[in-house]
Amino acid sequence: MSAKVPAGLSTELPAGPDLSELAQELGQFVMTYKFGLEEMLTKINILREELAFRGDGNPIEHVSSRLKSIDSIRAKAERIGCPLRLDAIAKQVVDVAGIRVVCSFISDAYRVLDMLTGQPDVTVVRIKDYIAYPKANGYRSLHAIVEIPVFLSEEVRRVPVELQIRTVAMDFWASVEHKIYYKYEQEIPAALVEELSAAARVAHELDERMAELHRTVHGVAHDGAAHDGAAHDGAAHDGAAPSAGGRGRA
């Protein structure tokens, strides 16, 4: 008997009674993450509408989201050496539900992070500040894993959601780098790696120049000077010295 999963979720798993049962359980598991994703998107949309109504300088340009398929969860678990058990997956594969928020300015990225993580029902698991401490390849973004409550018919579950918050310039660079990464099957020639790193520096310079222009015109600080990552230090924050290697996505 084939496993039933929520509409839109992939069920491509190898045959066998054990994996068929796992597919059924994973379907229910991923559905809970779908609800968590929707809850967080609602929070973001409320902020967007409220700030737009107040004319208070809406910091959010656009938002995208994704939910890993069962295949992707399984592949990620195998890649990181995680056992194919739901309890292990829940602890180790923390990016099943993901949201990307793109902002105009660097300070807007920190502002959005503060507004979301400051809500009383949002628990911060960890924050990685790749804006203050970019990766070796030049990647910049704020990454956060947060947990939010999902109220089911018989229980309340706290569901992790990954947030990536970055500027338009950072997002453009990351999008192009992603395409190049897979074009070369994850083995980018050294010369291209250097070019990408140089382009990342240019993108950061553009962020700073546009913030300066905005400040000149409006007299409002949008250079991120008030946010250098220090505000997010603490036990839940491991972004003070993130790994220099790696890429911006899992």
C-alpha atoms as a PDB file:
ATOM      1  CA  MET A   1       0.000   0.000   0.000  1.00  0.00           C
ATOM      2  CA  SER A   2       1.398   3.386  -0.961  1.00  0.00           C
ATOM      3  CA  ALA A   3       1.970   5.991   1.701  1.00  0.00           C
ATOM      4  CA  LYS A   4      -0.380   8.965   1.767  1.00  0.00           C
ATOM      5  CA  VAL A   5       1.139  12.404   2.178  1.00  0.00           C
ATOM      6  CA  PRO A   6      -0.213  15.952   1.920  1.00  0.00           C
ATOM      7  CA  ALA A   7      -0.867  17.312  -1.558  1.00  0.00           C
ATOM      8  CA  GLY A   8       2.220  18.711  -3.243  1.00  0.00           C
ATOM      9  CA  LEU A   9       4.713  16.632  -1.261  1.00  0.00           C
ATOM     10  CA  SER A  10       7.004  14.185  -3.054  1.00  0.00           C
ATOM     11  CA  THR A  11       6.808  10.527  -2.010  1.00  0.00           C
ATOM     12  CA  GLU A  12       9.660   9.168  -4.130  1.00  0.00           C
ATOM     13  CA  LEU A  13      11.282   6.745  -1.717  1.00  0.00           C
ATOM     14  CA  PRO A  14      12.719   3.285  -2.456  1.00  0.00           C
ATOM     15  CA  ALA A  15      10.307   0.351  -2.125  1.00  0.00           C
ATOM     16  CA  GLY A  16      10.124  -1.710   1.029  1.00  0.00           C
ATOM     17  CA  PRO A  17       7.814  -1.953   4.028  1.00  0.00           C
ATOM     18  CA  ASP A  18      10.085   0.014   6.355  1.00  0.00           C
ATOM     19  CA  LEU A  19      10.554   2.901   3.951  1.00  0.00           C
ATOM     20  CA  SER A  20       6.866   2.860   3.017  1.00  0.00           C
ATOM     21  CA  GLU A  21       5.997   3.322   6.685  1.00  0.00           C
ATOM     22  CA  LEU A  22       8.641   6.031   6.949  1.00  0.00           C
ATOM     23  CA  ALA A  23       7.080   7.828   3.970  1.00  0.00           C
ATOM     24  CA  GLN A  24       3.709   7.831   5.749  1.00  0.00           C
ATOM     25  CA  GLU A  25       5.226   9.227   8.921  1.00  0.00           C
ATOM     26  CA  LEU A  26       7.290  11.772   7.004  1.00  0.00           C
ATOM     27  CA  GLY A  27       4.159  12.989   5.231  1.00  0.00           C
ATOM     28  CA  GLN A  28       2.550  13.844   8.563  1.00  0.00           C
ATOM     29  CA  PHE A  29       5.862  15.239   9.790  1.00  0.00           C
ATOM     30  CA  VAL A  30       6.283  17.575   6.806  1.00  0.00           C
ATOM     31  CA  MET A  31       2.652  18.688   7.017  1.00  0.00           C
ATOM     32  CA  THR A  32       3.379  20.078  10.483  1.00  0.00           C
ATOM     33  CA  TYR A  33       6.297  22.046   9.031  1.00  0.00           C
ATOM     34  CA  LYS A  34       3.958  23.358   6.341  1.00  0.00           C
ATOM     35  CA  PHE A  35       1.732  24.746   9.077  1.00  0.00           C
ATOM     36  CA  GLY A  36       4.751  26.297  10.792  1.00  0.00           C
ATOM     37  CA  LEU A  37       5.773  27.903   7.512  1.00  0.00           C
ATOM     38  CA  GLU A  38       2.303  29.366   7.059  1.00  0.00           C
ATOM     39  CA  GLU A  39       2.292  30.729  10.620  1.00  0.00           C
ATOM     40  CA  MET A  40       5.600  32.527  10.088  1.00  0.00           C
ATOM     41  CA  LEU A  41       4.513  33.876   6.695  1.00  0.00           C
ATOM     42  CA  THR A  42       1.421  35.295   8.386  1.00  0.00           C
ATOM     43  CA  LYS A  43       3.631  37.099  10.895  1.00  0.00           C
ATOM     44  CA  ILE A  44       5.723  38.578   8.091  1.00  0.00           C
ATOM     45  CA  ASN A  45       2.666  39.658   6.092  1.00  0.00           C
ATOM     46  CA  ILE A  46       1.161  41.328   9.156  1.00  0.00           C
ATOM     47  CA  LEU A  47       4.354  43.347   9.618  1.00  0.00           C
ATOM     48  CA  ARG A  48       4.400  44.328   5.930  1.00  0.00           C
ATOM     49  CA  GLU A  49       0.802  45.510   5.950  1.00  0.00           C
ATOM     50  CA  GLU A  50       1.082  47.345   9.256  1.00  0.00           C
ATOM     51  CA  LEU A  51       4.265  49.194   8.274  1.00  0.00           C
ATOM     52  CA  ALA A  52       2.828  50.061   4.860  1.00  0.00           C
ATOM     53  CA  PHE A  53      -0.336  51.428   6.487  1.00  0.00           C
ATOM     54  CA  ARG A  54       1.666  53.507   8.960  1.00  0.00           C
ATOM     55  CA  GLY A  55       3.942  54.810   6.233  1.00  0.00           C
ATOM     56  CA  ASP A  56       6.778  53.798   8.507  1.00  0.00           C
ATOM     57  CA  GLY A  57       9.239  52.771   5.822  1.00  0.00           C
ATOM     58  CA  ASN A  58       8.381  49.168   4.956  1.00  0.00           C
ATOM     59  CA  PRO A  59      11.750  47.369   5.099  1.00  0.00           C
ATOM     60  CA  ILE A  60      10.585  44.285   3.169  1.00  0.00           C
ATOM     61  CA  GLU A  61      10.955  44.211  -0.617  1.00  0.00           C
ATOM     62  CA  HIS A  62       9.723  40.663  -1.226  1.00  0.00           C
ATOM     63  CA  VAL A  63       9.348  37.282   0.445  1.00  0.00           C
ATOM     64  CA  SER A  64       9.709  33.719  -0.816  1.00  0.00           C
ATOM     65  CA  SER A  65       9.334  30.385   0.929  1.00  0.00           C
ATOM     66  CA  ARG A  66       9.938  26.702   0.383  1.00  0.00           C
ATOM     67  CA  LEU A  67       9.141  23.399   2.029  1.00  0.00           C
ATOM     68  CA  LYS A  68      11.552  20.525   1.541  1.00  0.00           C
ATOM     69  CA  SER A  69      10.061  17.454  -0.136  1.00  0.00           C
ATOM     70  CA  ILE A  70      10.386  14.052   1.485  1.00  0.00           C
ATOM     71  CA  ASP A  71      13.136  13.259  -1.021  1.00  0.00           C
ATOM     72  CA  SER A  72      15.047  16.399  -0.071  1.00  0.00           C
ATOM     73  CA  ILE A  73      14.709  15.666   3.639  1.00  0.00           C
ATOM     74  CA  ARG A  74      15.985  12.136   3.123  1.00  0.00           C
ATOM     75  CA  ALA A  75      18.896  13.332   0.961  1.00  0.00           C
ATOM     76  CA  LYS A  76      19.842  16.004   3.493  1.00  0.00           C
ATOM     77  CA  ALA A  77      19.687  13.487   6.337  1.00  0.00           C
ATOM     78  CA  GLU A  78      21.964  11.081   4.482  1.00  0.00           C
ATOM     79  CA  ARG A  79      24.360  13.878   3.541  1.00  0.00           C
ATOM     80  CA  ILE A  80      24.849  14.985   7.140  1.00  0.00           C
ATOM     81  CA  GLY A  81      24.882  11.452   8.534  1.00  0.00           C
ATOM     82  CA  CYS A  82      21.497  11.750  10.236  1.00  0.00           C
ATOM     83  CA  PRO A  83      19.631   8.470  10.925  1.00  0.00           C
ATOM     84  CA  LEU A  84      16.356   8.093   9.030  1.00  0.00           C
ATOM     85  CA  ARG A  85      14.278   8.420  12.183  1.00  0.00           C
ATOM     86  CA  LEU A  86      11.842  11.238  12.778  1.00  0.00           C
ATOM     87  CA  ASP A  87      13.290  12.137  16.169  1.00  0.00           C
ATOM     88  CA  ALA A  88      16.769  12.418  14.656  1.00  0.00           C
ATOM     89  CA  ILE A  89      15.539  14.319  11.599  1.00  0.00           C
ATOM     90  CA  ALA A  90      13.620  16.782  13.790  1.00  0.00           C
ATOM     91  CA  LYS A  91      16.802  17.596  15.706  1.00  0.00           C
ATOM     92  CA  GLN A  92      19.332  17.638  12.871  1.00  0.00           C
ATOM     93  CA  VAL A  93      17.471  18.728   9.714  1.00  0.00           C
ATOM     94  CA  VAL A  94      16.319  22.138  10.887  1.00  0.00           C
ATOM     95  CA  ASP A  95      15.666  23.726   7.491  1.00  0.00           C
ATOM     96  CA  VAL A  96      12.641  21.694   6.381  1.00  0.00           C
ATOM     97  CA  ALA A  97      10.636  24.939   6.298  1.00  0.00           C
ATOM     98  CA  GLY A  98      12.431  28.006   4.989  1.00  0.00           C
ATOM     99  CA  ILE A  99      11.601  31.649   4.309  1.00  0.00           C
ATOM    100  CA  ARG A 100      13.718  34.241   2.525  1.00  0.00           C
ATOM    101  CA  VAL A 101      13.055  37.908   3.229  1.00  0.00           C
ATOM    102  CA  VAL A 102      14.690  40.446   0.913  1.00  0.00           C
ATOM    103  CA  CYS A 103      15.157  44.011   2.166  1.00  0.00           C
ATOM    104  CA  SER A 104      16.392  47.288   0.700  1.00  0.00           C
ATOM    105  CA  PHE A 105      19.173  48.037   3.168  1.00  0.00           C
ATOM    106  CA  ILE A 106      21.468  46.176   5.541  1.00  0.00           C
ATOM    107  CA  SER A 107      19.908  47.864   8.559  1.00  0.00           C
ATOM    108  CA  ASP A 108      16.487  46.768   7.289  1.00  0.00           C
ATOM    109  CA  ALA A 109      17.633  43.144   7.429  1.00  0.00           C
ATOM    110  CA  TYR A 110      18.535  43.540  11.100  1.00  0.00           C
ATOM    111  CA  ARG A 111      15.326  45.451  11.745  1.00  0.00           C
ATOM    112  CA  VAL A 112      13.201  42.644  10.303  1.00  0.00           C
ATOM    113  CA  LEU A 113      15.139  40.051  12.282  1.00  0.00           C
ATOM    114  CA  ASP A 114      14.569  42.044  15.477  1.00  0.00           C
ATOM    115  CA  MET A 115      10.832  42.427  14.803  1.00  0.00           C
ATOM    116  CA  LEU A 116      10.341  38.719  14.133  1.00  0.00           C
ATOM    117  CA  THR A 117      12.538  37.295  16.879  1.00  0.00           C
ATOM    118  CA  GLY A 118      11.176  39.798  19.389  1.00  0.00           C
ATOM    119  CA  GLN A 119       7.662  38.340  19.248  1.00  0.00           C
ATOM    120  CA  PRO A 120       6.803  36.482  22.478  1.00  0.00           C
ATOM    121  CA  ASP A 121       5.792  33.214  20.812  1.00  0.00           C
ATOM    122  CA  VAL A 122       8.953  33.049  18.670  1.00  0.00           C
ATOM    123  CA  THR A 123      11.885  31.194  20.206  1.00  0.00           C
ATOM    124  CA  VAL A 124      15.344  31.788  18.756  1.00  0.00           C
ATOM    125  CA  VAL A 125      17.300  28.554  18.344  1.00  0.00           C
ATOM    126  CA  ARG A 126      20.322  30.124  16.698  1.00  0.00           C
ATOM    127  CA  ILE A 127      21.409  33.065  14.569  1.00  0.00           C
ATOM    128  CA  LYS A 128      24.276  33.169  12.099  1.00  0.00           C
ATOM    129  CA  ASP A 129      25.307  36.654  11.034  1.00  0.00           C
ATOM    130  CA  TYR A 130      26.935  36.256   7.641  1.00  0.00           C
ATOM    131  CA  ILE A 131      26.543  39.998   7.010  1.00  0.00           C
ATOM    132  CA  ALA A 132      28.959  40.970   9.761  1.00  0.00           C
ATOM    133  CA  TYR A 133      31.005  37.811   9.189  1.00  0.00           C
ATOM    134  CA  PRO A 134      30.700  36.816   5.501  1.00  0.00           C
ATOM    135  CA  LYS A 135      31.665  33.375   4.262  1.00  0.00           C
ATOM    136  CA  ALA A 136      34.938  32.853   2.426  1.00  0.00           C
ATOM    137  CA  ASN A 137      33.186  32.961  -0.948  1.00  0.00           C
ATOM    138  CA  GLY A 138      31.678  36.370  -0.119  1.00  0.00           C
ATOM    139  CA  TYR A 139      28.195  35.152   0.800  1.00  0.00           C
ATOM    140  CA  ARG A 140      26.324  37.558   3.089  1.00  0.00           C
ATOM    141  CA  SER A 141      22.964  37.081   4.765  1.00  0.00           C
ATOM    142  CA  LEU A 142      21.333  36.748   8.155  1.00  0.00           C
ATOM    143  CA  HIS A 143      20.365  33.168   8.965  1.00  0.00           C
ATOM    144  CA  ALA A 144      18.121  32.291  11.886  1.00  0.00           C
ATOM    145  CA  ILE A 145      16.441  29.135  13.091  1.00  0.00           C
ATOM    146  CA  VAL A 146      13.346  29.985  15.100  1.00  0.00           C
ATOM    147  CA  GLU A 147      10.602  27.874  16.620  1.00  0.00           C
ATOM    148  CA  ILE A 148       6.938  28.817  16.615  1.00  0.00           C
ATOM    149  CA  PRO A 149       3.931  27.015  18.110  1.00  0.00           C
ATOM    150  CA  VAL A 150       1.570  25.157  15.794  1.00  0.00           C
ATOM    151  CA  PHE A 151      -1.810  24.359  17.338  1.00  0.00           C
ATOM    152  CA  LEU A 152      -3.009  20.980  16.099  1.00  0.00           C
ATOM    153  CA  SER A 153      -6.264  19.225  16.983  1.00  0.00           C
ATOM    154  CA  GLU A 154      -4.778  17.316  19.907  1.00  0.00           C
ATOM    155  CA  GLU A 155      -1.496  19.007  20.727  1.00  0.00           C
ATOM    156  CA  VAL A 156       0.735  22.031  20.310  1.00  0.00           C
ATOM    157  CA  ARG A 157       4.029  21.485  18.510  1.00  0.00           C
ATOM    158  CA  ARG A 158       6.923  23.889  18.325  1.00  0.00           C
ATOM    159  CA  VAL A 159       8.113  23.852  14.733  1.00  0.00           C
ATOM    160  CA  PRO A 160      11.488  25.154  13.531  1.00  0.00           C
ATOM    161  CA  VAL A 161      11.565  27.533  10.573  1.00  0.00           C
ATOM    162  CA  GLU A 162      14.717  28.781   8.875  1.00  0.00           C
ATOM    163  CA  LEU A 163      14.835  32.496   8.071  1.00  0.00           C
ATOM    164  CA  GLN A 164      17.237  34.000   5.551  1.00  0.00           C
ATOM    165  CA  ILE A 165      17.191  37.788   5.541  1.00  0.00           C
ATOM    166  CA  ARG A 166      19.311  39.735   3.071  1.00  0.00           C
ATOM    167  CA  THR A 167      19.434  42.796   0.839  1.00  0.00           C
ATOM    168  CA  VAL A 168      18.478  42.937  -2.838  1.00  0.00           C
ATOM    169  CA  ALA A 169      22.165  43.075  -3.791  1.00  0.00           C
ATOM    170  CA  MET A 170      22.996  40.071  -1.606  1.00  0.00           C
ATOM    171  CA  ASP A 171      20.059  38.145  -3.040  1.00  0.00           C
ATOM    172  CA  PHE A 172      21.116  38.844  -6.639  1.00  0.00           C
ATOM    173  CA  TRP A 173      24.649  37.641  -5.929  1.00  0.00           C
ATOM    174  CA  ALA A 174      23.419  34.496  -4.146  1.00  0.00           C
ATOM    175  CA  SER A 175      21.027  33.676  -6.995  1.00  0.00           C
ATOM    176  CA  VAL A 176      23.756  33.902  -9.637  1.00  0.00           C
ATOM    177  CA  GLU A 177      26.244  31.986  -7.473  1.00  0.00           C
ATOM    178  CA  HIS A 178      23.659  29.237  -6.986  1.00  0.00           C
ATOM    179  CA  LYS A 179      23.211  28.837 -10.754  1.00  0.00           C
ATOM    180  CA  ILE A 180      26.961  28.738 -11.351  1.00  0.00           C
ATOM    181  CA  TYR A 181      27.429  26.254  -8.511  1.00  0.00           C
ATOM    182  CA  TYR A 182      25.090  23.727 -10.116  1.00  0.00           C
ATOM    183  CA  LYS A 183      26.222  24.484 -13.663  1.00  0.00           C
ATOM    184  CA  TYR A 184      29.675  23.229 -12.667  1.00  0.00           C
ATOM    185  CA  GLU A 185      28.210  20.400 -10.568  1.00  0.00           C
ATOM    186  CA  GLN A 186      29.476  21.957  -7.338  1.00  0.00           C
ATOM    187  CA  GLU A 187      33.083  22.149  -8.599  1.00  0.00           C
ATOM    188  CA  ILE A 188      33.537  25.799  -9.595  1.00  0.00           C
ATOM    189  CA  PRO A 189      36.892  26.616 -11.277  1.00  0.00           C
ATOM    190  CA  ALA A 190      39.241  28.616  -9.052  1.00  0.00           C
ATOM    191  CA  ALA A 191      39.171  31.627 -11.380  1.00  0.00           C
ATOM    192  CA  LEU A 192      35.381  31.805 -11.166  1.00  0.00           C
ATOM    193  CA  VAL A 193      35.494  31.454  -7.392  1.00  0.00           C
ATOM    194  CA  GLU A 194      37.725  34.528  -7.232  1.00  0.00           C
ATOM    195  CA  GLU A 195      35.429  36.432  -9.605  1.00  0.00           C
ATOM    196  CA  LEU A 196      32.421  35.563  -7.463  1.00  0.00           C
ATOM    197  CA  SER A 197      34.237  36.699  -4.343  1.00  0.00           C
ATOM    198  CA  ALA A 198      35.113  39.998  -6.030  1.00  0.00           C
ATOM    199  CA  ALA A 199      31.502  40.416  -7.166  1.00  0.00           C
ATOM    200  CA  ALA A 200      30.337  39.845  -3.588  1.00  0.00           C
ATOM    201  CA  ARG A 201      32.574  42.687  -2.432  1.00  0.00           C
ATOM    202  CA  VAL A 202      31.122  44.931  -5.132  1.00  0.00           C
ATOM    203  CA  ALA A 203      27.590  43.997  -4.039  1.00  0.00           C
ATOM    204  CA  HIS A 204      28.450  44.935  -0.456  1.00  0.00           C
ATOM    205  CA  GLU A 205      29.914  48.243  -1.599  1.00  0.00           C
ATOM    206  CA  LEU A 206      26.693  48.887  -3.517  1.00  0.00           C
ATOM    207  CA  ASP A 207      24.674  48.242  -0.361  1.00  0.00           C
ATOM    208  CA  GLU A 208      26.775  50.771   1.526  1.00  0.00           C
ATOM    209  CA  ARG A 209      26.588  53.410  -1.220  1.00  0.00           C
ATOM    210  CA  MET A 210      22.824  53.098  -1.591  1.00  0.00           C
ATOM    211  CA  ALA A 211      22.438  53.398   2.184  1.00  0.00           C
ATOM    212  CA  GLU A 212      24.550  56.558   2.092  1.00  0.00           C
ATOM    213  CA  LEU A 213      22.389  57.988  -0.702  1.00  0.00           C
ATOM    214  CA  HIS A 214      19.249  57.189   1.247  1.00  0.00           C
ATOM    215  CA  ARG A 215      20.656  58.874   4.337  1.00  0.00           C
ATOM    216  CA  THR A 216      21.617  61.944   2.295  1.00  0.00           C
ATOM    217  CA  VAL A 217      18.114  62.262   0.845  1.00  0.00           C
ATOM    218  CA  HIS A 218      16.032  61.292   3.869  1.00  0.00           C
ATOM    219  CA  GLY A 219      18.348  61.936   6.781  1.00  0.00           C
ATOM    220  CA  VAL A 220      17.671  58.457   8.127  1.00  0.00           C
ATOM    221  CA  ALA A 221      20.444  56.044   9.025  1.00  0.00           C
ATOM    222  CA  HIS A 222      20.268  53.003   6.779  1.00  0.00           C
ATOM    223  CA  ASP A 223      23.891  51.971   6.895  1.00  0.00           C
ATOM    224  CA  GLY A 224      23.478  49.246   9.499  1.00  0.00           C
ATOM    225  CA  ALA A 225      25.907  51.030  11.831  1.00  0.00           C
ATOM    226  CA  ALA A 226      23.673  50.289  14.790  1.00  0.00           C
ATOM    227  CA  HIS A 227      23.715  46.618  13.906  1.00  0.00           C
ATOM    228  CA  ASP A 228      27.083  44.943  13.699  1.00  0.00           C
ATOM    229  CA  GLY A 229      25.933  41.582  14.989  1.00  0.00           C
ATOM    230  CA  ALA A 230      26.616  42.453  18.616  1.00  0.00           C
ATOM    231  CA  ALA A 231      22.932  42.842  19.339  1.00  0.00           C
ATOM    232  CA  HIS A 232      22.440  39.167  18.591  1.00  0.00           C
ATOM    233  CA  ASP A 233      25.265  37.751  20.681  1.00  0.00           C
ATOM    234  CA  GLY A 234      24.384  35.182  23.305  1.00  0.00           C
ATOM    235  CA  ALA A 235      23.866  31.480  23.845  1.00  0.00           C
ATOM    236  CA  ALA A 236      21.563  31.132  20.857  1.00  0.00           C
ATOM    237  CA  HIS A 237      23.883  33.054  18.552  1.00  0.00           C
ATOM    238  CA  ASP A 238      26.664  31.168  16.814  1.00  0.00           C
ATOM    239  CA  GLY A 239      27.211  33.748  14.115  1.00  0.00           C
ATOM    240  CA  ALA A 240      30.083  35.575  15.822  1.00  0.00           C
ATOM    241  CA  ALA A 241      32.558  33.324  14.089  1.00  0.00           C
ATOM    242  CA  PRO A 242      30.686  31.183  11.545  1.00  0.00           C
ATOM    243  CA  SER A 243      32.489  28.654   9.445  1.00  0.00           C
ATOM    244  CA  ALA A 244      34.547  30.381   6.808  1.00  0.00           C
ATOM    245  CA  GLY A 245      33.838  27.665   4.290  1.00  0.00           C
ATOM    246  CA  GLY A 246      30.628  26.419   2.809  1.00  0.00           C
ATOM    247  CA  ARG A 247      27.865  28.081   0.925  1.00  0.00           C
ATOM    248  CA  GLY A 248      24.715  29.965   1.744  1.00  0.00           C
ATOM    249  CA  ARG A 249      22.294  27.095   1.417  1.00  0.00           C
ATOM    250  CA  ALA A 250      21.909  23.539   2.577  1.00  0.00           C
END
